[in-house]
Amino acid sequence: MNGKAVPYQEKYSYTPVSVPVNTLHRKKHGIEMVADLGTFSPLRTSLIVDGIWLYVREKNTALNGIWPIQYTDKTEYPYVGFYDKQGGPGNESRSEIISTNFRFITRIPQIGLVTTLTWQMIWLYKYRTLYNGSTGENVWPLYWCGTDGIIHPFTETQKEDPAFAPLLSTTAPERFLPNSYKPYGMLNIRVNKAFGEHITLAFFANNLADLRPTRYSASTRSYLQQNTQPFFGLELQIKL
């Protein structure tokens, strides 16, 4: 202005960018079973029971950059930490489930009608979040960078420096508690009506009895409602 330089001040900020990565590792093992208990002649109803026991371990090894929203003397915090967790309390989970389905299938061939009544039971459900196989109430980043964009390993030197204290990620201890739910079930029905050889009309209703029990989650200190809300519909199949 008027041949003189205008005073200015440089400020730096960070803009998060999400990049798709394939870093989710999942290991499963379990047992499945199916038992056909035959047909009860007077009712023309057959009973099929299937069940599963499944244990799943998951771990996400992606790095996640977190920028603490903190201001010092009206200046944005200058450092970003890179953690081996995705913003939640941990970076791995373990779950176990035992469930069965009891399917009562009634056939009336004279009128082309098939009715399936299914009772779904969850006998056991356990879930737990962990951080690298243990709890992670206080987690430092693996790397850090400043406004120059250069990434550095996070060392003991940074841990002892008060300027990096905002990068310490803290999580309440109860977030790592195991969750275990008592058994609960749901009733579904499906009715198929055949019209000739080419057309089938099906009516279905899920959670017919509106069973939505609540179970206590120790890790969130809250009650969670199980099962979906009742819903129903129609399906039309046409074979050409």
Protein backbone atom coordinates (compact mmCIF):
# COMPACT_ATOMS: atom_id res chain seq x y z
CA MET A 1 0.00 0.00 0.00
CA ASN A 2 1.49 3.33 -1.10
CA GLY A 3 4.61 1.44 -2.08
CA LYS A 4 5.01 -0.16 1.32
CA ALA A 5 4.64 -3.82 2.18
CA VAL A 6 1.43 -4.71 4.01
CA PRO A 7 2.09 -6.51 7.28
CA TYR A 8 0.94 -10.09 7.23
CA GLN A 9 1.17 -13.23 9.31
CA GLU A 10 1.44 -16.77 8.00
CA LYS A 11 -0.84 -19.38 9.54
CA TYR A 12 -0.87 -23.08 8.86
CA SER A 13 -3.70 -25.55 9.19
CA TYR A 14 -4.46 -29.19 8.42
CA THR A 15 -7.09 -30.66 6.15
CA PRO A 16 -7.98 -34.33 6.73
CA VAL A 17 -7.98 -36.56 3.66
CA SER A 18 -9.45 -40.07 3.69
CA VAL A 19 -7.72 -42.73 1.63
CA PRO A 20 -9.24 -46.22 1.13
CA VAL A 21 -6.94 -48.90 2.49
CA ASN A 22 -7.22 -52.65 2.96
CA THR A 23 -5.96 -53.00 6.52
CA LEU A 24 -8.70 -54.98 8.25
CA HIS A 25 -7.49 -58.42 9.33
CA ARG A 26 -10.22 -60.90 10.29
CA LYS A 27 -9.84 -64.43 11.62
CA LYS A 28 -12.84 -66.70 12.06
CA HIS A 29 -13.35 -70.21 13.32
CA GLY A 30 -16.47 -72.04 14.38
CA ILE A 31 -18.87 -74.92 13.89
CA GLU A 32 -22.05 -75.10 11.82
CA MET A 33 -24.71 -77.79 12.01
CA VAL A 34 -27.98 -78.64 10.24
CA ALA A 35 -30.40 -81.31 11.41
CA ASP A 36 -33.52 -82.41 9.53
CA LEU A 37 -35.79 -83.99 12.14
CA GLY A 38 -38.27 -85.27 9.58
CA THR A 39 -41.93 -84.62 8.89
CA PHE A 40 -44.82 -84.97 11.32
CA SER A 41 -47.41 -86.62 9.10
CA PRO A 42 -50.69 -85.47 10.71
CA LEU A 43 -49.62 -81.83 10.44
CA ARG A 44 -47.53 -82.19 7.28
CA THR A 45 -44.94 -80.16 9.15
CA SER A 46 -41.20 -80.73 9.02
CA LEU A 47 -38.69 -79.41 11.51
CA ILE A 48 -35.21 -78.29 10.49
CA VAL A 49 -32.73 -77.04 13.06
CA ASP A 50 -29.54 -75.23 12.14
CA GLY A 51 -27.01 -73.59 14.41
CA ILE A 52 -23.61 -71.99 14.55
CA TRP A 53 -20.85 -71.25 17.00
CA LEU A 54 -18.58 -68.51 15.68
CA TYR A 55 -15.53 -66.78 17.15
CA VAL A 56 -14.17 -63.74 15.32
CA ARG A 57 -11.04 -61.66 15.86
CA GLU A 58 -10.60 -58.42 13.94
CA LYS A 59 -7.75 -55.92 13.88
CA ASN A 60 -7.30 -52.75 11.86
CA THR A 61 -3.66 -51.82 11.31
CA ALA A 62 -4.27 -48.55 9.43
CA LEU A 63 -2.74 -45.32 10.70
CA ASN A 64 -5.14 -42.53 11.59
CA GLY A 65 -4.09 -38.90 11.82
CA ILE A 66 -5.66 -36.93 14.67
CA TRP A 67 -5.28 -33.19 15.10
CA PRO A 68 -6.25 -31.99 18.57
CA ILE A 69 -8.52 -28.97 18.34
CA GLN A 70 -6.65 -26.81 20.79
CA TYR A 71 -5.70 -23.16 20.65
CA THR A 72 -2.81 -21.50 22.45
CA ASP A 73 -2.67 -17.69 22.35
CA LYS A 74 -5.16 -17.73 19.44
CA THR A 75 -2.87 -20.05 17.49
CA GLU A 76 -3.97 -23.43 16.16
CA TYR A 77 -2.21 -26.44 17.63
CA PRO A 78 0.79 -27.15 15.37
CA TYR A 79 1.11 -30.96 15.59
CA VAL A 80 -0.76 -33.98 14.25
CA GLY A 81 -0.43 -37.44 15.77
CA PHE A 82 -0.68 -40.67 13.79
CA TYR A 83 -2.17 -43.58 15.76
CA ASP A 84 -2.71 -47.25 15.02
CA LYS A 85 -6.41 -46.97 15.87
CA GLN A 86 -9.34 -45.48 14.00
CA GLY A 87 -10.72 -42.92 16.43
CA GLY A 88 -12.42 -45.50 18.67
CA PRO A 89 -11.17 -46.86 21.99
CA GLY A 90 -9.10 -49.65 20.43
CA ASN A 91 -7.91 -51.21 17.20
CA GLU A 92 -9.17 -54.78 17.55
CA SER A 93 -12.26 -56.66 18.64
CA ARG A 94 -13.19 -60.17 19.70
CA SER A 95 -16.68 -61.59 19.47
CA GLU A 96 -18.34 -64.93 20.10
CA ILE A 97 -21.85 -66.04 19.22
CA ILE A 98 -23.96 -69.20 19.53
CA SER A 99 -27.25 -69.12 17.64
CA THR A 100 -29.87 -71.54 16.33
CA ASN A 101 -32.85 -71.43 13.98
CA PHE A 102 -35.86 -73.72 14.39
CA ARG A 103 -37.79 -73.82 11.11
CA PHE A 104 -41.26 -75.38 11.09
CA ILE A 105 -42.28 -75.91 7.46
CA THR A 106 -45.86 -76.88 6.67
CA ARG A 107 -46.78 -77.88 3.10
CA ILE A 108 -50.27 -78.17 1.67
CA PRO A 109 -49.66 -79.20 -1.94
CA GLN A 110 -53.39 -79.36 -2.81
CA ILE A 111 -53.62 -75.58 -2.69
CA GLY A 112 -49.93 -74.77 -3.38
CA LEU A 113 -49.31 -73.34 0.08
CA VAL A 114 -46.05 -73.48 2.06
CA THR A 115 -45.77 -71.87 5.50
CA THR A 116 -42.44 -71.44 7.29
CA LEU A 117 -42.35 -70.40 10.92
CA THR A 118 -38.82 -69.63 12.16
CA TRP A 119 -37.75 -69.17 15.76
CA GLN A 120 -34.33 -67.54 15.92
CA MET A 121 -32.37 -67.78 19.17
CA ILE A 122 -29.16 -66.08 20.24
CA TRP A 123 -27.94 -68.22 23.12
CA LEU A 124 -24.64 -66.49 23.68
CA TYR A 125 -23.19 -63.21 22.49
CA LYS A 126 -19.91 -61.77 23.76
CA TYR A 127 -18.02 -58.77 22.47
CA ARG A 128 -14.94 -56.88 23.57
CA THR A 129 -12.77 -54.07 22.23
CA LEU A 130 -9.02 -54.14 22.84
CA TYR A 131 -5.95 -52.15 21.93
CA ASN A 132 -3.14 -54.38 20.67
CA GLY A 133 -4.40 -57.28 22.78
CA SER A 134 -4.85 -55.27 25.96
CA THR A 135 -6.49 -52.12 27.28
CA GLY A 136 -5.46 -48.73 25.96
CA GLU A 137 -6.50 -46.03 28.39
CA ASN A 138 -3.50 -43.84 27.51
CA VAL A 139 -2.09 -44.11 23.99
CA TRP A 140 0.63 -42.00 22.42
CA PRO A 141 0.89 -41.72 18.63
CA LEU A 142 3.41 -43.75 16.66
CA TYR A 143 4.35 -40.76 14.52
CA TRP A 144 3.89 -37.01 14.51
CA CYS A 145 4.28 -34.15 12.08
CA GLY A 146 4.37 -30.39 12.25
CA THR A 147 3.36 -27.66 9.84
CA ASP A 148 6.31 -28.53 7.60
CA GLY A 149 4.55 -31.80 6.71
CA ILE A 150 7.50 -33.99 7.68
CA ILE A 151 6.55 -37.16 9.59
CA HIS A 152 8.75 -38.17 12.53
CA PRO A 153 8.68 -41.21 14.83
CA PHE A 154 7.17 -40.39 18.22
CA THR A 155 9.83 -41.03 20.87
CA GLU A 156 10.28 -40.68 24.62
CA THR A 157 11.55 -37.17 23.99
CA GLN A 158 8.14 -36.06 22.74
CA LYS A 159 6.39 -37.84 25.62
CA GLU A 160 8.33 -35.71 28.10
CA ASP A 161 7.78 -32.48 26.16
CA PRO A 162 4.70 -30.55 27.41
CA ALA A 163 4.14 -29.21 23.91
CA PHE A 164 3.11 -32.72 22.79
CA ALA A 165 0.85 -33.46 25.77
CA PRO A 166 -2.37 -32.85 23.75
CA LEU A 167 -1.42 -35.82 21.54
CA LEU A 168 -1.98 -38.27 24.40
CA SER A 169 -5.20 -40.14 23.56
CA THR A 170 -7.12 -41.07 26.71
CA THR A 171 -10.01 -43.51 26.93
CA ALA A 172 -12.20 -44.43 29.89
CA PRO A 173 -11.19 -47.88 31.25
CA GLU A 174 -14.72 -49.27 31.04
CA ARG A 175 -14.65 -49.01 27.23
CA PHE A 176 -12.47 -52.14 27.28
CA LEU A 177 -14.76 -54.19 29.52
CA PRO A 178 -16.19 -57.40 27.99
CA ASN A 179 -19.87 -57.43 27.07
CA SER A 180 -21.98 -60.55 27.50
CA TYR A 181 -25.70 -60.70 26.70
CA LYS A 182 -28.31 -63.11 28.01
CA PRO A 183 -30.25 -65.23 25.48
CA TYR A 184 -32.95 -63.63 23.36
CA GLY A 185 -35.00 -64.66 20.35
CA MET A 186 -37.21 -63.55 17.48
CA LEU A 187 -40.12 -65.10 15.59
CA ASN A 188 -40.49 -64.83 11.80
CA ILE A 189 -43.11 -66.18 9.41
CA ARG A 190 -43.23 -66.64 5.65
CA VAL A 191 -46.18 -67.86 3.60
CA ASN A 192 -45.73 -68.88 -0.06
CA LYS A 193 -48.74 -69.38 -2.34
CA ALA A 194 -48.19 -70.81 -5.81
CA PHE A 195 -50.48 -69.83 -8.68
CA GLY A 196 -49.79 -72.41 -11.32
CA GLU A 197 -46.21 -73.27 -12.27
CA HIS A 198 -44.93 -69.78 -13.01
CA ILE A 199 -46.20 -67.40 -10.31
CA THR A 200 -45.54 -67.45 -6.56
CA LEU A 201 -46.72 -64.83 -4.11
CA ALA A 202 -44.99 -64.67 -0.72
CA PHE A 203 -45.93 -62.81 2.45
CA PHE A 204 -43.36 -62.41 5.21
CA ALA A 205 -43.31 -60.84 8.65
CA ASN A 206 -40.14 -60.54 10.71
CA ASN A 207 -40.15 -60.22 14.49
CA LEU A 208 -43.79 -61.17 14.42
CA ALA A 209 -44.20 -61.03 18.22
CA ASP A 210 -42.37 -57.68 18.52
CA LEU A 211 -39.69 -59.09 20.82
CA ARG A 212 -37.14 -56.34 21.45
CA PRO A 213 -35.44 -57.01 24.80
CA THR A 214 -32.74 -54.75 26.18
CA ARG A 215 -29.32 -55.96 27.26
CA TYR A 216 -26.79 -54.09 29.37
CA SER A 217 -23.51 -53.10 27.69
CA ALA A 218 -20.73 -52.84 30.26
CA SER A 219 -18.38 -51.01 27.87
CA THR A 220 -20.84 -48.18 27.20
CA ARG A 221 -22.73 -48.30 30.51
CA SER A 222 -26.03 -48.32 28.66
CA TYR A 223 -28.87 -50.63 27.73
CA LEU A 224 -29.07 -51.64 24.07
CA GLN A 225 -32.24 -52.86 22.40
CA GLN A 226 -31.88 -56.11 20.49
CA ASN A 227 -33.67 -57.30 17.34
CA THR A 228 -35.20 -55.16 14.64
CA GLN A 229 -38.60 -53.53 14.71
CA PRO A 230 -41.39 -55.70 13.27
CA PHE A 231 -41.76 -55.35 9.52
CA PHE A 232 -43.59 -57.23 6.80
CA GLY A 233 -43.95 -57.29 3.04
CA LEU A 234 -44.89 -59.15 -0.12
CA GLU A 235 -42.74 -60.77 -2.80
CA LEU A 236 -43.84 -61.75 -6.28
CA GLN A 237 -41.85 -64.34 -8.26
CA ILE A 238 -42.52 -64.92 -11.95
CA LYS A 239 -40.79 -67.80 -13.77
CA LEU A 240 -40.61 -67.38 -17.53
